[in-house]
Amino acid sequence: MFQRAQANRVMTDLEARFRVMDGFPGYAQVPSLASPTPEQIASPEQSPDLARIANDAMAAMVAAHPQRFPSFVGTLPLNNPDFALREAERAVRELGAAGVQILTSVQGQPLDRPEFLAVFELMATLNRPVWLHPTRPMTTADYATESVSKFDLWWALGWPHETSVAMGRLVFSGVFDRHPTLVVITHHAGGTVPMMAGRLGSGLELLGTRTPPEHSQAIQTSLREPPLAAFKRFHADTATFGSSAAIECGAAFFGWDRMLFATDMPFDPEQGPGYIRATLQALDALNLTPVQRHAVLSGNARRLLHLNRRVQGSTP
């Protein structure tokens, strides 16, 4: 994946990116750093420097091109949790980041560990979103008898699963009970969660009845509200590779007021315009009301990301 990103010119060449963006009038971006994250390539002693460099560079890019990039998503070095908290606050308060992005696990550790939940709690205090991006390597095999996942299934099916499991761990940590206004934006329309309303509803009302007594610790939770209600507190984006059905399913679960436009640009076969075009076409196919269309394309982002500056040439 890293080598593929390196070969994609739009990842590092702003002029090439601007040419793509110019093909879609009124289009602006709130960019985030692509993988690998600082903790994936650097030690806890080194990763803070990478995070600072990334966030400073993003802030400078936004300052130089405010009509193109009304804000950016901050990067954190989560293998150094104490510094990650300080950097999240610096990115938001000093650099103007719209929020921060974290992966669905941190070097194999779940997000409901106290040191990672502290990031969510800080962002709730700062009133800024957390973007949740999936991670799952090819070396996470699909079967115990194999060493790797075949046919890119670790990505095609594994990433939505990783998103859903991370959402579940956050739900049962009770983070939304403690911070009901916390905004967590899940990538790819919320993974598989929107299709699982029945299992997350009546199915999880039977929590514990499937668990042997010797594993009772595995079902201990501080969650106070029904699990399904907590899952519906997440937000989601439209990065579904042009699938109208997936976007519609996500909106049916979370609501149009919790769906934000995103495309996975520039990882399409055309290296830029393909997924933007496909996502717009997918939205067109849904025959949205003017209110719904405005909410998804810009309104929700402006509200949740506190984008007070109007992007020149953008559509209402």
C-alpha atoms as a PDB file:
ATOM      1  CA  MET A   1       0.000   0.000   0.000  1.00  0.00           C
ATOM      2  CA  PHE A   2       2.845   2.396   0.849  1.00  0.00           C
ATOM      3  CA  GLN A   3       4.567   1.749  -2.465  1.00  0.00           C
ATOM      4  CA  ARG A   4       1.290   2.279  -4.294  1.00  0.00           C
ATOM      5  CA  ALA A   5       0.786   5.610  -2.541  1.00  0.00           C
ATOM      6  CA  GLN A   6       4.337   6.677  -3.383  1.00  0.00           C
ATOM      7  CA  ALA A   7       3.671   6.028  -7.063  1.00  0.00           C
ATOM      8  CA  ASN A   8       0.505   8.156  -7.053  1.00  0.00           C
ATOM      9  CA  ARG A   9       1.493  11.645  -8.181  1.00  0.00           C
ATOM     10  CA  VAL A  10      -1.603  13.319  -6.739  1.00  0.00           C
ATOM     11  CA  MET A  11      -0.488  12.241  -3.268  1.00  0.00           C
ATOM     12  CA  THR A  12       2.442  14.668  -3.282  1.00  0.00           C
ATOM     13  CA  ASP A  13       2.088  16.998  -6.281  1.00  0.00           C
ATOM     14  CA  LEU A  14      -0.301  19.830  -5.429  1.00  0.00           C
ATOM     15  CA  GLU A  15      -0.522  21.097  -8.988  1.00  0.00           C
ATOM     16  CA  ALA A  16      -1.569  17.633 -10.165  1.00  0.00           C
ATOM     17  CA  ARG A  17      -4.170  17.547  -7.391  1.00  0.00           C
ATOM     18  CA  PHE A  18      -5.473  20.978  -8.316  1.00  0.00           C
ATOM     19  CA  ARG A  19      -5.954  19.869 -11.928  1.00  0.00           C
ATOM     20  CA  VAL A  20      -8.138  17.016 -10.705  1.00  0.00           C
ATOM     21  CA  MET A  21     -10.088  19.261  -8.354  1.00  0.00           C
ATOM     22  CA  ASP A  22     -10.705  21.811 -11.108  1.00  0.00           C
ATOM     23  CA  GLY A  23     -12.710  19.179 -12.949  1.00  0.00           C
ATOM     24  CA  PHE A  24     -15.392  19.464 -10.246  1.00  0.00           C
ATOM     25  CA  PRO A  25     -16.591  23.060  -9.788  1.00  0.00           C
ATOM     26  CA  GLY A  26     -16.925  24.134  -6.175  1.00  0.00           C
ATOM     27  CA  TYR A  27     -14.949  21.161  -4.900  1.00  0.00           C
ATOM     28  CA  ALA A  28     -12.703  21.647  -1.859  1.00  0.00           C
ATOM     29  CA  GLN A  29     -10.999  19.141   0.418  1.00  0.00           C
ATOM     30  CA  VAL A  30     -10.275  18.650   4.112  1.00  0.00           C
ATOM     31  CA  PRO A  31      -7.219  16.406   3.656  1.00  0.00           C
ATOM     32  CA  SER A  32      -5.797  13.823   6.030  1.00  0.00           C
ATOM     33  CA  LEU A  33      -2.421  12.152   6.011  1.00  0.00           C
ATOM     34  CA  ALA A  34      -2.358   8.860   4.126  1.00  0.00           C
ATOM     35  CA  SER A  35      -0.928   5.710   5.650  1.00  0.00           C
ATOM     36  CA  PRO A  36       1.486   4.846   7.084  1.00  0.00           C
ATOM     37  CA  THR A  37       0.806   6.684  10.326  1.00  0.00           C
ATOM     38  CA  PRO A  38       3.696   7.838  12.530  1.00  0.00           C
ATOM     39  CA  GLU A  39       3.357   4.883  14.901  1.00  0.00           C
ATOM     40  CA  GLN A  40       3.568   2.434  12.015  1.00  0.00           C
ATOM     41  CA  ILE A  41       7.014   3.537  10.884  1.00  0.00           C
ATOM     42  CA  ALA A  42       8.696   5.135  13.899  1.00  0.00           C
ATOM     43  CA  SER A  43       9.504   4.397  17.521  1.00  0.00           C
ATOM     44  CA  PRO A  44       7.670   6.147  20.377  1.00  0.00           C
ATOM     45  CA  GLU A  45      10.678   8.457  20.655  1.00  0.00           C
ATOM     46  CA  GLN A  46      10.655   9.347  16.941  1.00  0.00           C
ATOM     47  CA  SER A  47       6.943   9.403  16.084  1.00  0.00           C
ATOM     48  CA  PRO A  48       6.182  12.741  17.814  1.00  0.00           C
ATOM     49  CA  ASP A  49       8.574  14.514  15.458  1.00  0.00           C
ATOM     50  CA  LEU A  50       6.842  12.976  12.435  1.00  0.00           C
ATOM     51  CA  ALA A  51       3.431  14.020  13.731  1.00  0.00           C
ATOM     52  CA  ARG A  52       4.598  17.576  14.315  1.00  0.00           C
ATOM     53  CA  ILE A  53       6.122  17.769  10.840  1.00  0.00           C
ATOM     54  CA  ALA A  54       2.936  16.401   9.261  1.00  0.00           C
ATOM     55  CA  ASN A  55       0.599  18.744  11.108  1.00  0.00           C
ATOM     56  CA  ASP A  56       2.774  21.806  10.543  1.00  0.00           C
ATOM     57  CA  ALA A  57       2.972  20.995   6.826  1.00  0.00           C
ATOM     58  CA  MET A  58      -0.780  20.468   6.584  1.00  0.00           C
ATOM     59  CA  ALA A  59      -1.443  23.767   8.358  1.00  0.00           C
ATOM     60  CA  ALA A  60       0.934  25.568   6.003  1.00  0.00           C
ATOM     61  CA  MET A  61      -0.811  24.017   3.002  1.00  0.00           C
ATOM     62  CA  VAL A  62      -4.201  25.188   4.281  1.00  0.00           C
ATOM     63  CA  ALA A  63      -2.850  28.687   4.908  1.00  0.00           C
ATOM     64  CA  ALA A  64      -1.426  28.843   1.384  1.00  0.00           C
ATOM     65  CA  HIS A  65      -4.560  27.503  -0.317  1.00  0.00           C
ATOM     66  CA  PRO A  66      -7.580  28.273   1.905  1.00  0.00           C
ATOM     67  CA  GLN A  67     -10.085  28.036  -0.937  1.00  0.00           C
ATOM     68  CA  ARG A  68      -8.813  24.574  -1.856  1.00  0.00           C
ATOM     69  CA  PHE A  69      -8.387  23.323   1.706  1.00  0.00           C
ATOM     70  CA  PRO A  70     -10.626  25.026   4.290  1.00  0.00           C
ATOM     71  CA  SER A  71      -9.037  22.872   7.009  1.00  0.00           C
ATOM     72  CA  PHE A  72      -7.150  19.611   7.588  1.00  0.00           C
ATOM     73  CA  VAL A  73      -7.297  16.493   9.723  1.00  0.00           C
ATOM     74  CA  GLY A  74      -4.558  16.193  12.320  1.00  0.00           C
ATOM     75  CA  THR A  75      -2.161  13.262  12.714  1.00  0.00           C
ATOM     76  CA  LEU A  76      -1.229  11.697  16.054  1.00  0.00           C
ATOM     77  CA  PRO A  77       1.635   9.423  17.158  1.00  0.00           C
ATOM     78  CA  LEU A  78      -0.440   6.918  19.094  1.00  0.00           C
ATOM     79  CA  ASN A  79       2.493   4.782  20.180  1.00  0.00           C
ATOM     80  CA  ASN A  80       3.301   7.756  22.422  1.00  0.00           C
ATOM     81  CA  PRO A  81      -0.105   8.404  24.036  1.00  0.00           C
ATOM     82  CA  ASP A  82       0.958  11.262  26.293  1.00  0.00           C
ATOM     83  CA  PHE A  83       2.409  13.214  23.403  1.00  0.00           C
ATOM     84  CA  ALA A  84      -0.577  12.283  21.213  1.00  0.00           C
ATOM     85  CA  LEU A  85      -2.862  14.174  23.593  1.00  0.00           C
ATOM     86  CA  ARG A  86      -0.637  17.233  23.544  1.00  0.00           C
ATOM     87  CA  GLU A  87      -0.340  17.119  19.764  1.00  0.00           C
ATOM     88  CA  ALA A  88      -4.101  16.760  19.299  1.00  0.00           C
ATOM     89  CA  GLU A  89      -4.659  19.886  21.368  1.00  0.00           C
ATOM     90  CA  ARG A  90      -1.915  21.780  19.539  1.00  0.00           C
ATOM     91  CA  ALA A  91      -3.260  20.739  16.138  1.00  0.00           C
ATOM     92  CA  VAL A  92      -6.745  22.001  16.962  1.00  0.00           C
ATOM     93  CA  ARG A  93      -6.052  25.042  19.118  1.00  0.00           C
ATOM     94  CA  GLU A  94      -2.894  26.383  17.461  1.00  0.00           C
ATOM     95  CA  LEU A  95      -2.974  25.038  13.898  1.00  0.00           C
ATOM     96  CA  GLY A  96      -6.726  25.062  13.262  1.00  0.00           C
ATOM     97  CA  ALA A  97      -7.178  21.359  12.503  1.00  0.00           C
ATOM     98  CA  ALA A  98     -10.766  20.261  11.969  1.00  0.00           C
ATOM     99  CA  GLY A  99     -10.126  17.178  14.100  1.00  0.00           C
ATOM    100  CA  VAL A 100      -7.804  14.167  14.184  1.00  0.00           C
ATOM    101  CA  GLN A 101      -7.633  10.793  12.481  1.00  0.00           C
ATOM    102  CA  ILE A 102      -6.776   7.499  14.125  1.00  0.00           C
ATOM    103  CA  LEU A 103      -6.722   3.938  12.862  1.00  0.00           C
ATOM    104  CA  THR A 104      -9.095   1.214  14.015  1.00  0.00           C
ATOM    105  CA  SER A 105      -6.289  -0.358  16.035  1.00  0.00           C
ATOM    106  CA  VAL A 106      -2.916   0.835  17.240  1.00  0.00           C
ATOM    107  CA  GLN A 107      -0.247  -1.730  16.458  1.00  0.00           C
ATOM    108  CA  GLY A 108      -2.729  -4.491  17.222  1.00  0.00           C
ATOM    109  CA  GLN A 109      -4.153  -2.836  20.341  1.00  0.00           C
ATOM    110  CA  PRO A 110      -7.885  -2.049  20.621  1.00  0.00           C
ATOM    111  CA  LEU A 111      -9.122   1.512  20.879  1.00  0.00           C
ATOM    112  CA  ASP A 112     -10.941   0.911  24.169  1.00  0.00           C
ATOM    113  CA  ARG A 113      -7.659   0.877  26.090  1.00  0.00           C
ATOM    114  CA  PRO A 114      -7.614   3.827  28.514  1.00  0.00           C
ATOM    115  CA  GLU A 115      -4.713   5.597  26.802  1.00  0.00           C
ATOM    116  CA  PHE A 116      -6.585   5.675  23.487  1.00  0.00           C
ATOM    117  CA  LEU A 117      -9.986   6.494  24.946  1.00  0.00           C
ATOM    118  CA  ALA A 118      -8.316   9.578  26.383  1.00  0.00           C
ATOM    119  CA  VAL A 119      -7.944  10.875  22.816  1.00  0.00           C
ATOM    120  CA  PHE A 120     -11.680  10.542  22.188  1.00  0.00           C
ATOM    121  CA  GLU A 121     -12.459  12.243  25.479  1.00  0.00           C
ATOM    122  CA  LEU A 122     -10.121  15.123  24.665  1.00  0.00           C
ATOM    123  CA  MET A 123     -11.693  15.584  21.242  1.00  0.00           C
ATOM    124  CA  ALA A 124     -15.136  15.644  22.848  1.00  0.00           C
ATOM    125  CA  THR A 125     -13.884  18.429  25.115  1.00  0.00           C
ATOM    126  CA  LEU A 126     -12.427  20.278  22.122  1.00  0.00           C
ATOM    127  CA  ASN A 127     -15.712  19.736  20.233  1.00  0.00           C
ATOM    128  CA  ARG A 128     -13.910  18.352  17.185  1.00  0.00           C
ATOM    129  CA  PRO A 129     -14.382  15.063  15.304  1.00  0.00           C
ATOM    130  CA  VAL A 130     -12.286  11.932  15.296  1.00  0.00           C
ATOM    131  CA  TRP A 131     -11.936  10.256  11.900  1.00  0.00           C
ATOM    132  CA  LEU A 132     -11.795   6.464  12.174  1.00  0.00           C
ATOM    133  CA  HIS A 133      -9.864   4.813   9.353  1.00  0.00           C
ATOM    134  CA  PRO A 134      -9.549   1.017   9.015  1.00  0.00           C
ATOM    135  CA  THR A 135      -6.294  -0.865   9.109  1.00  0.00           C
ATOM    136  CA  ARG A 136      -5.690  -4.550   8.525  1.00  0.00           C
ATOM    137  CA  PRO A 137      -2.566  -5.986   6.868  1.00  0.00           C
ATOM    138  CA  MET A 138      -2.313  -8.794   4.368  1.00  0.00           C
ATOM    139  CA  THR A 139      -0.591 -10.821   7.095  1.00  0.00           C
ATOM    140  CA  THR A 140      -3.898 -11.047   8.972  1.00  0.00           C
ATOM    141  CA  ALA A 141      -4.863 -14.335   7.369  1.00  0.00           C
ATOM    142  CA  ASP A 142      -8.484 -15.292   6.771  1.00  0.00           C
ATOM    143  CA  TYR A 143      -7.897 -18.850   7.969  1.00  0.00           C
ATOM    144  CA  ALA A 144      -5.726 -20.230  10.761  1.00  0.00           C
ATOM    145  CA  THR A 145      -4.086 -22.673   8.361  1.00  0.00           C
ATOM    146  CA  GLU A 146      -2.741 -19.888   6.128  1.00  0.00           C
ATOM    147  CA  SER A 147      -0.145 -17.159   6.640  1.00  0.00           C
ATOM    148  CA  VAL A 148      -1.637 -14.382   4.496  1.00  0.00           C
ATOM    149  CA  SER A 149      -5.008 -13.179   3.283  1.00  0.00           C
ATOM    150  CA  LYS A 150      -5.517 -13.933  -0.400  1.00  0.00           C
ATOM    151  CA  PHE A 151      -7.109 -12.005  -3.268  1.00  0.00           C
ATOM    152  CA  ASP A 152      -6.989  -8.623  -1.436  1.00  0.00           C
ATOM    153  CA  LEU A 153      -9.786  -9.832   0.856  1.00  0.00           C
ATOM    154  CA  TRP A 154      -7.879  -8.368   3.823  1.00  0.00           C
ATOM    155  CA  TRP A 155      -8.719  -4.992   2.234  1.00  0.00           C
ATOM    156  CA  ALA A 156     -12.052  -5.555   0.443  1.00  0.00           C
ATOM    157  CA  LEU A 157     -13.750  -7.362   3.340  1.00  0.00           C
ATOM    158  CA  GLY A 158     -11.272  -7.030   6.188  1.00  0.00           C
ATOM    159  CA  TRP A 159     -11.241  -3.257   6.394  1.00  0.00           C
ATOM    160  CA  PRO A 160     -15.034  -2.875   6.763  1.00  0.00           C
ATOM    161  CA  HIS A 161     -14.920  -5.601   9.414  1.00  0.00           C
ATOM    162  CA  GLU A 162     -12.122  -3.823  11.285  1.00  0.00           C
ATOM    163  CA  THR A 163     -14.138  -0.611  11.239  1.00  0.00           C
ATOM    164  CA  SER A 164     -17.189  -2.372  12.629  1.00  0.00           C
ATOM    165  CA  VAL A 165     -15.304  -4.141  15.413  1.00  0.00           C
ATOM    166  CA  ALA A 166     -13.576  -0.914  16.449  1.00  0.00           C
ATOM    167  CA  MET A 167     -16.968   0.801  16.551  1.00  0.00           C
ATOM    168  CA  GLY A 168     -18.264  -2.002  18.753  1.00  0.00           C
ATOM    169  CA  ARG A 169     -15.384  -1.721  21.185  1.00  0.00           C
ATOM    170  CA  LEU A 170     -15.958   2.031  21.459  1.00  0.00           C
ATOM    171  CA  VAL A 171     -19.677   1.490  22.000  1.00  0.00           C
ATOM    172  CA  PHE A 172     -19.204  -0.979  24.841  1.00  0.00           C
ATOM    173  CA  SER A 173     -16.532   1.210  26.422  1.00  0.00           C
ATOM    174  CA  GLY A 174     -19.386   3.639  27.142  1.00  0.00           C
ATOM    175  CA  VAL A 175     -17.597   6.557  25.490  1.00  0.00           C
ATOM    176  CA  PHE A 176     -20.863   7.949  24.116  1.00  0.00           C
ATOM    177  CA  ASP A 177     -22.504   7.664  27.539  1.00  0.00           C
ATOM    178  CA  ARG A 178     -19.769   9.862  28.938  1.00  0.00           C
ATOM    179  CA  HIS A 179     -19.571  12.148  25.902  1.00  0.00           C
ATOM    180  CA  PRO A 180     -22.896  12.095  24.022  1.00  0.00           C
ATOM    181  CA  THR A 181     -21.849  14.930  21.697  1.00  0.00           C
ATOM    182  CA  LEU A 182     -18.615  13.207  20.587  1.00  0.00           C
ATOM    183  CA  VAL A 183     -18.357  13.027  16.787  1.00  0.00           C
ATOM    184  CA  VAL A 184     -16.636   9.944  15.343  1.00  0.00           C
ATOM    185  CA  ILE A 185     -16.666   9.831  11.537  1.00  0.00           C
ATOM    186  CA  THR A 186     -16.364   6.268  10.271  1.00  0.00           C
ATOM    187  CA  HIS A 187     -14.853   5.618   6.877  1.00  0.00           C
ATOM    188  CA  HIS A 188     -16.591   3.713   4.066  1.00  0.00           C
ATOM    189  CA  ALA A 189     -20.159   4.392   5.275  1.00  0.00           C
ATOM    190  CA  GLY A 190     -19.606   2.741   8.647  1.00  0.00           C
ATOM    191  CA  GLY A 191     -18.177  -0.567   7.526  1.00  0.00           C
ATOM    192  CA  THR A 192     -20.659  -3.413   7.829  1.00  0.00           C
ATOM    193  CA  VAL A 193     -22.539  -1.870  10.767  1.00  0.00           C
ATOM    194  CA  PRO A 194     -25.459  -0.365   8.763  1.00  0.00           C
ATOM    195  CA  MET A 195     -26.357  -3.814   7.423  1.00  0.00           C
ATOM    196  CA  MET A 196     -26.392  -5.339  10.903  1.00  0.00           C
ATOM    197  CA  ALA A 197     -29.133  -3.358  12.653  1.00  0.00           C
ATOM    198  CA  GLY A 198     -31.018  -6.516  13.603  1.00  0.00           C
ATOM    199  CA  ARG A 199     -27.988  -8.251  15.066  1.00  0.00           C
ATOM    200  CA  LEU A 200     -26.943  -5.082  16.904  1.00  0.00           C
ATOM    201  CA  GLY A 201     -30.478  -4.586  18.182  1.00  0.00           C
ATOM    202  CA  SER A 202     -32.371  -7.604  19.431  1.00  0.00           C
ATOM    203  CA  GLY A 203     -29.310  -9.775  18.889  1.00  0.00           C
ATOM    204  CA  LEU A 204     -27.174  -7.841  21.371  1.00  0.00           C
ATOM    205  CA  GLU A 205     -30.046  -7.603  23.829  1.00  0.00           C
ATOM    206  CA  LEU A 206     -29.073 -11.218  24.516  1.00  0.00           C
ATOM    207  CA  LEU A 207     -25.532 -10.171  25.409  1.00  0.00           C
ATOM    208  CA  GLY A 208     -23.998 -12.766  27.710  1.00  0.00           C
ATOM    209  CA  THR A 209     -26.278 -15.664  26.850  1.00  0.00           C
ATOM    210  CA  ARG A 210     -23.738 -16.938  24.335  1.00  0.00           C
ATOM    211  CA  THR A 211     -20.763 -16.626  26.683  1.00  0.00           C
ATOM    212  CA  PRO A 212     -19.505 -19.424  28.974  1.00  0.00           C
ATOM    213  CA  PRO A 213     -19.219 -18.391  32.647  1.00  0.00           C
ATOM    214  CA  GLU A 214     -15.439 -18.708  32.601  1.00  0.00           C
ATOM    215  CA  HIS A 215     -15.313 -15.882  30.035  1.00  0.00           C
ATOM    216  CA  SER A 216     -17.694 -13.527  31.813  1.00  0.00           C
ATOM    217  CA  GLN A 217     -15.060 -10.771  31.789  1.00  0.00           C
ATOM    218  CA  ALA A 218     -15.432 -10.611  27.997  1.00  0.00           C
ATOM    219  CA  ILE A 219     -18.937  -9.169  28.332  1.00  0.00           C
ATOM    220  CA  GLN A 220     -18.384  -6.662  31.112  1.00  0.00           C
ATOM    221  CA  THR A 221     -19.440  -3.211  29.942  1.00  0.00           C
ATOM    222  CA  SER A 222     -20.288   0.195  31.363  1.00  0.00           C
ATOM    223  CA  LEU A 223     -22.702   0.897  28.492  1.00  0.00           C
ATOM    224  CA  ARG A 224     -25.974   2.306  29.804  1.00  0.00           C
ATOM    225  CA  GLU A 225     -28.056   2.695  26.645  1.00  0.00           C
ATOM    226  CA  PRO A 226     -29.089  -0.078  24.220  1.00  0.00           C
ATOM    227  CA  PRO A 227     -26.167  -1.050  21.954  1.00  0.00           C
ATOM    228  CA  LEU A 228     -28.088  -0.227  18.768  1.00  0.00           C
ATOM    229  CA  ALA A 229     -28.751   3.307  19.995  1.00  0.00           C
ATOM    230  CA  ALA A 230     -25.055   3.760  20.740  1.00  0.00           C
ATOM    231  CA  PHE A 231     -24.013   2.504  17.293  1.00  0.00           C
ATOM    232  CA  LYS A 232     -26.302   5.093  15.738  1.00  0.00           C
ATOM    233  CA  ARG A 233     -24.294   7.850  17.420  1.00  0.00           C
ATOM    234  CA  PHE A 234     -21.484   7.443  14.911  1.00  0.00           C
ATOM    235  CA  HIS A 235     -21.196   9.462  11.720  1.00  0.00           C
ATOM    236  CA  ALA A 236     -20.115   8.054   8.358  1.00  0.00           C
ATOM    237  CA  ASP A 237     -18.765   9.158   4.998  1.00  0.00           C
ATOM    238  CA  THR A 238     -19.766   8.382   1.428  1.00  0.00           C
ATOM    239  CA  ALA A 239     -16.471   6.767   0.357  1.00  0.00           C
ATOM    240  CA  THR A 240     -18.038   3.610  -1.032  1.00  0.00           C
ATOM    241  CA  PHE A 241     -16.299   3.481  -4.437  1.00  0.00           C
ATOM    242  CA  GLY A 242     -19.465   4.614  -6.174  1.00  0.00           C
ATOM    243  CA  SER A 243     -21.997   2.323  -4.489  1.00  0.00           C
ATOM    244  CA  SER A 244     -25.391   4.004  -4.174  1.00  0.00           C
ATOM    245  CA  ALA A 245     -26.687   1.032  -2.197  1.00  0.00           C
ATOM    246  CA  ALA A 246     -23.943   1.362   0.414  1.00  0.00           C
ATOM    247  CA  ILE A 247     -24.540   5.110   0.818  1.00  0.00           C
ATOM    248  CA  GLU A 248     -28.292   4.596   1.070  1.00  0.00           C
ATOM    249  CA  CYS A 249     -27.787   1.851   3.647  1.00  0.00           C
ATOM    250  CA  GLY A 250     -25.485   4.074   5.680  1.00  0.00           C
ATOM    251  CA  ALA A 251     -27.942   6.954   5.592  1.00  0.00           C
ATOM    252  CA  ALA A 252     -30.838   4.674   6.572  1.00  0.00           C
ATOM    253  CA  PHE A 253     -28.860   3.661   9.660  1.00  0.00           C
ATOM    254  CA  PHE A 254     -27.135   6.891  10.727  1.00  0.00           C
ATOM    255  CA  GLY A 255     -29.376   9.507   9.082  1.00  0.00           C
ATOM    256  CA  TRP A 256     -28.559  11.998   6.326  1.00  0.00           C
ATOM    257  CA  ASP A 257     -27.538  14.535   8.958  1.00  0.00           C
ATOM    258  CA  ARG A 258     -24.641  12.223   9.899  1.00  0.00           C
ATOM    259  CA  MET A 259     -23.325  11.479   6.386  1.00  0.00           C
ATOM    260  CA  LEU A 260     -20.357  13.453   5.010  1.00  0.00           C
ATOM    261  CA  PHE A 261     -19.043  13.547   1.457  1.00  0.00           C
ATOM    262  CA  ALA A 262     -15.777  11.656   0.953  1.00  0.00           C
ATOM    263  CA  THR A 263     -14.378   9.640  -1.930  1.00  0.00           C
ATOM    264  CA  ASP A 264     -11.047   7.885  -1.179  1.00  0.00           C
ATOM    265  CA  MET A 265      -9.447  10.158  -3.759  1.00  0.00           C
ATOM    266  CA  PRO A 266      -6.843   9.613  -5.268  1.00  0.00           C
ATOM    267  CA  PHE A 267      -6.789   5.815  -4.915  1.00  0.00           C
ATOM    268  CA  ASP A 268      -9.015   5.120  -7.918  1.00  0.00           C
ATOM    269  CA  PRO A 269      -7.589   3.564 -11.099  1.00  0.00           C
ATOM    270  CA  GLU A 270      -7.433   7.052 -12.644  1.00  0.00           C
ATOM    271  CA  GLN A 271      -5.425   8.361  -9.671  1.00  0.00           C
ATOM    272  CA  GLY A 272      -7.754  11.162  -8.756  1.00  0.00           C
ATOM    273  CA  PRO A 273     -11.002  11.916 -10.574  1.00  0.00           C
ATOM    274  CA  GLY A 274     -12.536   8.444 -10.731  1.00  0.00           C
ATOM    275  CA  TYR A 275     -13.897   8.091  -7.212  1.00  0.00           C
ATOM    276  CA  ILE A 276     -15.004  11.729  -7.032  1.00  0.00           C
ATOM    277  CA  ARG A 277     -17.054  11.271 -10.198  1.00  0.00           C
ATOM    278  CA  ALA A 278     -18.374   7.865  -9.097  1.00  0.00           C
ATOM    279  CA  THR A 279     -19.445   9.155  -5.683  1.00  0.00           C
ATOM    280  CA  LEU A 280     -21.281  12.131  -7.168  1.00  0.00           C
ATOM    281  CA  GLN A 281     -23.010   9.800  -9.615  1.00  0.00           C
ATOM    282  CA  ALA A 282     -23.969   7.474  -6.767  1.00  0.00           C
ATOM    283  CA  LEU A 283     -25.553  10.368  -4.907  1.00  0.00           C
ATOM    284  CA  ASP A 284     -27.352  11.523  -8.053  1.00  0.00           C
ATOM    285  CA  ALA A 285     -28.850   8.046  -8.428  1.00  0.00           C
ATOM    286  CA  LEU A 286     -30.476   8.328  -5.003  1.00  0.00           C
ATOM    287  CA  ASN A 287     -32.710  11.272  -5.973  1.00  0.00           C
ATOM    288  CA  LEU A 288     -31.970  13.148  -2.775  1.00  0.00           C
ATOM    289  CA  THR A 289     -34.052  16.083  -1.651  1.00  0.00           C
ATOM    290  CA  PRO A 290     -32.314  19.467  -1.864  1.00  0.00           C
ATOM    291  CA  VAL A 291     -31.958  19.451   1.927  1.00  0.00           C
ATOM    292  CA  GLN A 292     -30.359  15.991   1.951  1.00  0.00           C
ATOM    293  CA  ARG A 293     -28.012  16.810  -0.908  1.00  0.00           C
ATOM    294  CA  HIS A 294     -26.857  20.032   0.708  1.00  0.00           C
ATOM    295  CA  ALA A 295     -26.294  18.247   4.017  1.00  0.00           C
ATOM    296  CA  VAL A 296     -24.129  15.519   2.510  1.00  0.00           C
ATOM    297  CA  LEU A 297     -22.119  17.649   0.086  1.00  0.00           C
ATOM    298  CA  SER A 298     -21.274  20.506   2.445  1.00  0.00           C
ATOM    299  CA  GLY A 299     -23.731  21.324   5.218  1.00  0.00           C
ATOM    300  CA  ASN A 300     -22.812  18.522   7.606  1.00  0.00           C
ATOM    301  CA  ALA A 301     -19.102  19.130   7.126  1.00  0.00           C
ATOM    302  CA  ARG A 302     -19.407  22.871   7.700  1.00  0.00           C
ATOM    303  CA  ARG A 303     -21.355  22.267  10.906  1.00  0.00           C
ATOM    304  CA  LEU A 304     -19.346  19.402  12.385  1.00  0.00           C
ATOM    305  CA  LEU A 305     -15.917  20.632  11.282  1.00  0.00           C
ATOM    306  CA  HIS A 306     -16.639  24.285  12.185  1.00  0.00           C
ATOM    307  CA  LEU A 307     -15.805  25.499   8.689  1.00  0.00           C
ATOM    308  CA  ASN A 308     -16.842  29.085   9.080  1.00  0.00           C
ATOM    309  CA  ARG A 309     -15.115  30.299   5.932  1.00  0.00           C
ATOM    310  CA  ARG A 310     -17.123  29.898   2.771  1.00  0.00           C
ATOM    311  CA  VAL A 311     -15.143  28.223   0.006  1.00  0.00           C
ATOM    312  CA  GLN A 312     -15.115  30.453  -3.059  1.00  0.00           C
ATOM    313  CA  GLY A 313     -17.191  29.038  -5.870  1.00  0.00           C
ATOM    314  CA  SER A 314     -18.761  26.307  -3.755  1.00  0.00           C
ATOM    315  CA  THR A 315     -22.367  25.350  -4.224  1.00  0.00           C
ATOM    316  CA  PRO A 316     -24.847  25.952  -1.378  1.00  0.00           C
END
